[in-house]
Amino acid sequence: MNADQLMGKWMQFKGELKQRWGNFTDDDLQQIEGRYDRFVVKVQERYGYGDEKRELMKWADAWHQKSAPQTVEKKSH
């Protein structure tokens, strides 16, 4: 997930983020405001640099992939 992707889906993402990763406070989410750089800082503050942080970032990428519109290839005749 990159900065533009996070900003574009922030409203949906933050609800699932708080539900799945309970260490984030409402204040944290307000401070992040959809900004990827702030998100990374808060992840580090709440989960450190270990396995939990890696799991959270993998979850965030998977969440984005799941929520991204699927592209349909058109076959030309």
Protein backbone atom coordinates (compact mmCIF):
# COMPACT_ATOMS: atom_id res chain seq x y z
CA MET A 1 0.00 0.00 0.00
CA ASN A 2 1.30 3.45 -0.80
CA ALA A 3 0.43 6.97 0.35
CA ASP A 4 -2.19 7.66 -2.34
CA GLN A 5 -3.90 4.33 -1.77
CA LEU A 6 -4.12 4.87 1.97
CA MET A 7 -5.49 8.39 1.62
CA GLY A 8 -8.11 7.28 -0.89
CA LYS A 9 -9.47 4.50 1.30
CA TRP A 10 -8.79 5.94 4.74
CA MET A 11 -12.39 6.03 5.97
CA GLN A 12 -12.93 2.32 5.26
CA PHE A 13 -9.42 1.31 6.29
CA LYS A 14 -9.34 2.97 9.69
CA GLY A 15 -12.45 1.16 10.93
CA GLU A 16 -11.07 -2.24 10.05
CA LEU A 17 -7.62 -1.25 11.32
CA LYS A 18 -8.92 -0.37 14.77
CA GLN A 19 -11.10 -3.46 14.92
CA ARG A 20 -8.32 -5.85 13.87
CA TRP A 21 -5.36 -4.11 15.53
CA GLY A 22 -6.73 -2.83 18.83
CA ASN A 23 -3.67 -0.91 20.00
CA PHE A 24 -4.65 2.12 17.92
CA THR A 25 -6.59 4.80 19.75
CA ASP A 26 -9.10 7.23 18.27
CA ASP A 27 -6.45 9.91 18.80
CA ASP A 28 -3.94 7.85 16.79
CA LEU A 29 -6.39 7.55 13.90
CA GLN A 30 -7.12 11.26 14.02
CA GLN A 31 -3.40 12.04 13.94
CA ILE A 32 -2.79 9.70 11.01
CA GLU A 33 -5.57 11.31 8.91
CA GLY A 34 -4.88 8.92 6.03
CA ARG A 35 -1.22 9.93 5.72
CA TYR A 36 1.01 6.93 5.05
CA ASP A 37 4.08 8.40 6.75
CA ARG A 38 2.08 9.02 9.93
CA PHE A 39 0.56 5.54 9.68
CA VAL A 40 4.03 3.95 9.61
CA VAL A 41 5.13 6.01 12.63
CA LYS A 42 2.05 4.98 14.63
CA VAL A 43 2.54 1.32 13.66
CA GLN A 44 6.09 1.52 15.01
CA GLU A 45 4.94 3.29 18.19
CA ARG A 46 2.22 0.74 18.90
CA TYR A 47 3.85 -2.46 17.62
CA GLY A 48 7.61 -1.82 17.47
CA TYR A 49 9.81 -3.23 14.75
CA GLY A 50 9.20 -6.94 15.25
CA ASP A 51 6.88 -9.61 13.95
CA GLU A 52 3.66 -7.81 14.90
CA LYS A 53 4.66 -4.79 12.83
CA ARG A 54 5.45 -7.00 9.84
CA GLU A 55 2.12 -8.81 10.26
CA LEU A 56 0.23 -5.52 10.43
CA MET A 57 1.92 -4.20 7.29
CA LYS A 58 1.19 -7.45 5.44
CA TRP A 59 -2.42 -7.21 6.61
CA ALA A 60 -2.62 -3.59 5.35
CA ASP A 61 -1.30 -4.64 1.92
CA ALA A 62 -3.73 -7.56 1.77
CA TRP A 63 -6.59 -5.25 2.81
CA HIS A 64 -5.72 -2.90 -0.01
CA GLN A 65 -5.54 -5.73 -2.56
CA LYS A 66 -8.93 -7.02 -1.39
CA SER A 67 -10.52 -3.58 -1.64
CA ALA A 68 -8.97 -2.60 -4.99
CA PRO A 69 -11.29 -2.83 -7.98
CA GLN A 70 -10.53 -5.84 -10.13
CA THR A 71 -9.44 -5.10 -13.66
CA VAL A 72 -10.99 -7.13 -16.40
CA GLU A 73 -8.93 -7.96 -19.43
CA LYS A 74 -10.71 -7.43 -22.72
CA LYS A 75 -9.94 -9.89 -25.47
CA SER A 76 -9.69 -8.43 -28.92
CA HIS A 77 -11.01 -10.38 -31.89
